[in-house]
C-alpha atoms as a PDB file:
ATOM      1  CA  UNK A   1      -6.342 -12.553 -22.292  1.00  0.00           C
ATOM      2  CA  UNK A   2      -8.903 -10.814 -20.080  1.00  0.00           C
ATOM      3  CA  UNK A   3      -6.433 -10.896 -17.188  1.00  0.00           C
ATOM      4  CA  UNK A   4      -3.812  -9.101 -19.279  1.00  0.00           C
ATOM      5  CA  UNK A   5      -6.376  -6.607 -20.551  1.00  0.00           C
ATOM      6  CA  UNK A   6      -7.415  -5.867 -16.968  1.00  0.00           C
ATOM      7  CA  UNK A   7      -3.755  -5.443 -16.005  1.00  0.00           C
ATOM      8  CA  UNK A   8      -3.144  -3.065 -18.907  1.00  0.00           C
ATOM      9  CA  UNK A   9      -6.190  -1.015 -17.907  1.00  0.00           C
ATOM     10  CA  UNK A  10      -5.080  -0.984 -14.274  1.00  0.00           C
ATOM     11  CA  UNK A  11      -1.561   0.201 -15.045  1.00  0.00           C
ATOM     12  CA  UNK A  12      -2.936   2.805 -17.445  1.00  0.00           C
ATOM     13  CA  UNK A  13      -4.970   4.235 -14.557  1.00  0.00           C
ATOM     14  CA  UNK A  14      -8.294   3.044 -15.981  1.00  0.00           C
ATOM     15  CA  UNK A  15      -9.442   1.714 -12.616  1.00  0.00           C
ATOM     16  CA  UNK A  16     -13.149   2.021 -13.388  1.00  0.00           C
ATOM     17  CA  UNK A  17     -12.751  -0.397 -16.282  1.00  0.00           C
ATOM     18  CA  UNK A  18     -10.094  -2.620 -14.678  1.00  0.00           C
ATOM     19  CA  UNK A  19     -11.908  -3.299 -11.388  1.00  0.00           C
ATOM     20  CA  UNK A  20     -14.950  -5.166 -12.704  1.00  0.00           C
ATOM     21  CA  UNK A  21     -12.832  -7.003 -15.266  1.00  0.00           C
ATOM     22  CA  UNK A  22     -10.431  -8.263 -12.578  1.00  0.00           C
ATOM     23  CA  UNK A  23     -13.506  -9.147 -10.509  1.00  0.00           C
ATOM     24  CA  UNK A  24     -14.972 -11.337 -13.271  1.00  0.00           C
ATOM     25  CA  UNK A  25     -11.627 -12.867 -14.246  1.00  0.00           C
ATOM     26  CA  UNK A  26     -10.866 -13.690 -10.622  1.00  0.00           C
ATOM     27  CA  UNK A  27     -14.254 -15.313 -10.164  1.00  0.00           C
ATOM     28  CA  UNK A  28     -13.627 -17.446 -13.265  1.00  0.00           C
ATOM     29  CA  UNK A  29     -10.156 -18.422 -12.039  1.00  0.00           C
ATOM     30  CA  UNK A  30     -11.548 -19.427  -8.630  1.00  0.00           C
ATOM     31  CA  UNK A  31     -13.839 -21.927 -10.328  1.00  0.00           C
ATOM     32  CA  UNK A  32     -10.848 -23.907 -11.639  1.00  0.00           C
ATOM     33  CA  UNK A  33      -7.798 -22.940  -9.578  1.00  0.00           C
ATOM     34  CA  UNK A  34      -6.816 -23.009  -5.922  1.00  0.00           C
ATOM     35  CA  UNK A  35      -7.400 -19.821  -3.914  1.00  0.00           C
ATOM     36  CA  UNK A  36      -3.630 -19.427  -3.476  1.00  0.00           C
ATOM     37  CA  UNK A  37      -2.910 -19.704  -7.221  1.00  0.00           C
ATOM     38  CA  UNK A  38      -0.929 -16.728  -8.543  1.00  0.00           C
ATOM     39  CA  UNK A  39      -3.611 -15.771 -11.095  1.00  0.00           C
ATOM     40  CA  UNK A  40      -6.379 -15.919  -8.496  1.00  0.00           C
ATOM     41  CA  UNK A  41      -4.367 -13.836  -6.030  1.00  0.00           C
ATOM     42  CA  UNK A  42      -3.317 -11.313  -8.646  1.00  0.00           C
ATOM     43  CA  UNK A  43      -6.910 -10.813  -9.742  1.00  0.00           C
ATOM     44  CA  UNK A  44      -8.223 -10.214  -6.231  1.00  0.00           C
ATOM     45  CA  UNK A  45      -5.264  -7.972  -5.329  1.00  0.00           C
ATOM     46  CA  UNK A  46      -5.727  -5.742  -8.353  1.00  0.00           C
ATOM     47  CA  UNK A  47      -9.525  -5.763  -8.184  1.00  0.00           C
ATOM     48  CA  UNK A  48      -9.341  -4.648  -4.559  1.00  0.00           C
ATOM     49  CA  UNK A  49      -6.880  -1.878  -5.293  1.00  0.00           C
ATOM     50  CA  UNK A  50      -8.800  -0.728  -8.375  1.00  0.00           C
ATOM     51  CA  UNK A  51     -12.066  -0.559  -6.435  1.00  0.00           C
ATOM     52  CA  UNK A  52     -10.220   1.335  -3.693  1.00  0.00           C
ATOM     53  CA  UNK A  53      -8.896   3.819  -6.247  1.00  0.00           C
ATOM     54  CA  UNK A  54     -12.396   4.578  -7.510  1.00  0.00           C
ATOM     55  CA  UNK A  55     -13.799   4.930  -4.012  1.00  0.00           C
ATOM     56  CA  UNK A  56     -15.883   1.773  -3.763  1.00  0.00           C
ATOM     57  CA  UNK A  57     -14.966   0.325  -0.359  1.00  0.00           C
ATOM     58  CA  UNK A  58     -17.865  -2.139  -0.342  1.00  0.00           C
ATOM     59  CA  UNK A  59     -16.451  -3.791  -3.466  1.00  0.00           C
ATOM     60  CA  UNK A  60     -12.792  -3.387  -2.481  1.00  0.00           C
ATOM     61  CA  UNK A  61     -13.150  -4.983   0.963  1.00  0.00           C
ATOM     62  CA  UNK A  62     -14.079  -8.548  -0.091  1.00  0.00           C
ATOM     63  CA  UNK A  63     -11.354  -8.570  -2.749  1.00  0.00           C
ATOM     64  CA  UNK A  64      -8.676  -7.338  -0.343  1.00  0.00           C
ATOM     65  CA  UNK A  65      -9.828  -9.715   2.394  1.00  0.00           C
ATOM     66  CA  UNK A  66      -9.711 -12.659  -0.001  1.00  0.00           C
ATOM     67  CA  UNK A  67      -6.220 -11.698  -1.107  1.00  0.00           C
ATOM     68  CA  UNK A  68      -4.862 -11.223   2.420  1.00  0.00           C
ATOM     69  CA  UNK A  69      -6.442 -14.450   3.624  1.00  0.00           C
ATOM     70  CA  UNK A  70      -5.102 -16.615   0.808  1.00  0.00           C
ATOM     71  CA  UNK A  71      -1.793 -14.919  -0.011  1.00  0.00           C
ATOM     72  CA  UNK A  72      -0.197 -16.314   3.136  1.00  0.00           C
ATOM     73  CA  UNK A  73      -0.322 -19.763   1.579  1.00  0.00           C
ATOM     74  CA  UNK A  74       1.578 -18.438  -1.447  1.00  0.00           C
ATOM     75  CA  UNK A  75       4.744 -17.857   0.572  1.00  0.00           C
ATOM     76  CA  UNK A  76       7.260 -15.073   0.901  1.00  0.00           C
ATOM     77  CA  UNK A  77       6.897 -13.767  -2.652  1.00  0.00           C
ATOM     78  CA  UNK A  78       3.593 -12.177  -1.643  1.00  0.00           C
ATOM     79  CA  UNK A  79       4.707 -10.806   1.746  1.00  0.00           C
ATOM     80  CA  UNK A  80       5.309  -7.201   0.634  1.00  0.00           C
ATOM     81  CA  UNK A  81       2.063  -7.102  -1.321  1.00  0.00           C
ATOM     82  CA  UNK A  82       0.170  -8.459   1.691  1.00  0.00           C
ATOM     83  CA  UNK A  83       1.362  -5.534   3.813  1.00  0.00           C
ATOM     84  CA  UNK A  84       0.207  -3.082   1.140  1.00  0.00           C
ATOM     85  CA  UNK A  85      -3.108  -4.878   0.805  1.00  0.00           C
ATOM     86  CA  UNK A  86      -3.653  -4.796   4.569  1.00  0.00           C
ATOM     87  CA  UNK A  87      -2.983  -1.073   4.634  1.00  0.00           C
ATOM     88  CA  UNK A  88      -5.471  -0.582   1.758  1.00  0.00           C
ATOM     89  CA  UNK A  89      -7.914  -2.808   3.639  1.00  0.00           C
ATOM     90  CA  UNK A  90      -7.630  -0.543   6.682  1.00  0.00           C
ATOM     91  CA  UNK A  91      -8.245   2.523   4.520  1.00  0.00           C
ATOM     92  CA  UNK A  92     -11.342   0.926   2.991  1.00  0.00           C
ATOM     93  CA  UNK A  93     -12.640  -0.074   6.429  1.00  0.00           C
ATOM     94  CA  UNK A  94     -12.239   3.540   7.561  1.00  0.00           C
ATOM     95  CA  UNK A  95     -13.961   4.788   4.410  1.00  0.00           C
ATOM     96  CA  UNK A  96     -16.833   2.384   5.086  1.00  0.00           C
ATOM     97  CA  UNK A  97     -17.255   3.912   8.557  1.00  0.00           C
ATOM     98  CA  UNK A  98     -15.668   0.994  10.408  1.00  0.00           C
ATOM     99  CA  UNK A  99     -13.018   2.905  12.363  1.00  0.00           C
ATOM    100  CA  UNK A 100     -12.595   0.203  15.027  1.00  0.00           C
ATOM    101  CA  UNK A 101     -11.842  -2.465  12.413  1.00  0.00           C
ATOM    102  CA  UNK A 102      -9.540  -0.109  10.507  1.00  0.00           C
ATOM    103  CA  UNK A 103      -7.618   0.754  13.655  1.00  0.00           C
ATOM    104  CA  UNK A 104      -7.297  -2.931  14.591  1.00  0.00           C
ATOM    105  CA  UNK A 105      -5.972  -3.728  11.117  1.00  0.00           C
ATOM    106  CA  UNK A 106      -3.377  -0.949  11.262  1.00  0.00           C
ATOM    107  CA  UNK A 107      -2.280  -1.957  14.741  1.00  0.00           C
ATOM    108  CA  UNK A 108      -1.839  -5.568  13.656  1.00  0.00           C
ATOM    109  CA  UNK A 109       0.263  -4.487  10.663  1.00  0.00           C
ATOM    110  CA  UNK A 110       2.606  -2.372  12.795  1.00  0.00           C
ATOM    111  CA  UNK A 111       4.712  -5.242  14.234  1.00  0.00           C
ATOM    112  CA  UNK A 112       5.073  -6.742  10.760  1.00  0.00           C
ATOM    113  CA  UNK A 113       6.405  -3.444   9.421  1.00  0.00           C
ATOM    114  CA  UNK A 114       8.726  -3.124  12.399  1.00  0.00           C
ATOM    115  CA  UNK A 115      10.212  -6.552  11.660  1.00  0.00           C
ATOM    116  CA  UNK A 116      10.480  -5.866   7.929  1.00  0.00           C
ATOM    117  CA  UNK A 117      11.842  -2.322   8.060  1.00  0.00           C
ATOM    118  CA  UNK A 118      12.919  -1.660  11.650  1.00  0.00           C
ATOM    119  CA  UNK A 119      11.077  -0.114  14.579  1.00  0.00           C
ATOM    120  CA  UNK A 120      12.436   3.379  13.794  1.00  0.00           C
ATOM    121  CA  UNK A 121      11.804   3.174  10.042  1.00  0.00           C
ATOM    122  CA  UNK A 122       9.932   5.751   8.010  1.00  0.00           C
ATOM    123  CA  UNK A 123       7.299   3.110   7.221  1.00  0.00           C
ATOM    124  CA  UNK A 124       6.562   2.493  10.906  1.00  0.00           C
ATOM    125  CA  UNK A 125       6.552   6.224  11.719  1.00  0.00           C
ATOM    126  CA  UNK A 126       4.110   6.880   8.882  1.00  0.00           C
ATOM    127  CA  UNK A 127       1.898   4.030  10.035  1.00  0.00           C
ATOM    128  CA  UNK A 128       1.971   5.438  13.573  1.00  0.00           C
ATOM    129  CA  UNK A 129       0.741   8.764  12.168  1.00  0.00           C
ATOM    130  CA  UNK A 130      -2.175   6.976  10.483  1.00  0.00           C
ATOM    131  CA  UNK A 131      -2.970   5.100  13.696  1.00  0.00           C
ATOM    132  CA  UNK A 132      -2.884   8.339  15.705  1.00  0.00           C
ATOM    133  CA  UNK A 133      -5.047  10.149  13.154  1.00  0.00           C
ATOM    134  CA  UNK A 134      -7.614   7.356  13.063  1.00  0.00           C
ATOM    135  CA  UNK A 135      -7.579   7.094  16.867  1.00  0.00           C
ATOM    136  CA  UNK A 136      -8.154  10.862  17.134  1.00  0.00           C
ATOM    137  CA  UNK A 137     -11.050  10.671  14.708  1.00  0.00           C
ATOM    138  CA  UNK A 138     -12.546   7.794  16.651  1.00  0.00           C
ATOM    139  CA  UNK A 139     -12.207   9.648  19.967  1.00  0.00           C
ATOM    140  CA  UNK A 140     -13.717  12.785  18.443  1.00  0.00           C
ATOM    141  CA  UNK A 141     -16.741  10.760  17.339  1.00  0.00           C
ATOM    142  CA  UNK A 142     -17.175   9.252  20.807  1.00  0.00           C
ATOM    143  CA  UNK A 143     -16.875  12.517  22.751  1.00  0.00           C
ATOM    144  CA  UNK A 144     -19.932  14.717  22.344  1.00  0.00           C
ATOM    145  CA  UNK A 145     -19.201  18.308  21.350  1.00  0.00           C
ATOM    146  CA  UNK A 146     -20.534  21.369  23.152  1.00  0.00           C
ATOM    147  CA  UNK A 147     -23.475  21.613  20.753  1.00  0.00           C
ATOM    148  CA  UNK A 148     -24.531  18.071  21.521  1.00  0.00           C
ATOM    149  CA  UNK A 149     -24.475  18.795  25.262  1.00  0.00           C
ATOM    150  CA  UNK A 150     -26.798  21.747  24.837  1.00  0.00           C
ATOM    151  CA  UNK A 151     -24.243  24.422  25.675  1.00  0.00           C
END
């Protein structure tokens, strides 16, 4: 019942209430079920996305990582969700100040999107924009500005 309550809260946009409930439910499921079980995966997927929605990357990251790591064993039915989770993972890494890891995640997702949607697809072009933006931010952080050079 708690799983369905968490899902109802999530889909109603009550992410602040849904996130910790999915977290607890998922932890309980993991005590009795395999990591690739549909209920376990669903809990971590939604907990990660709910934490991301409320701006808590430190709580979203372990949930999204768990989901991505174990969803591969669940087969093709999770493939689309894995791509979305990896994109959310990259966003949370960037929000946590880990631009290198975020960029690596986005770059590793790109070939998967190209296979799924085509190299010239809107999805790949949008991902390329995110990669370029993140790369620009990273370069801007590495190159000292005029003020930092004492000019």
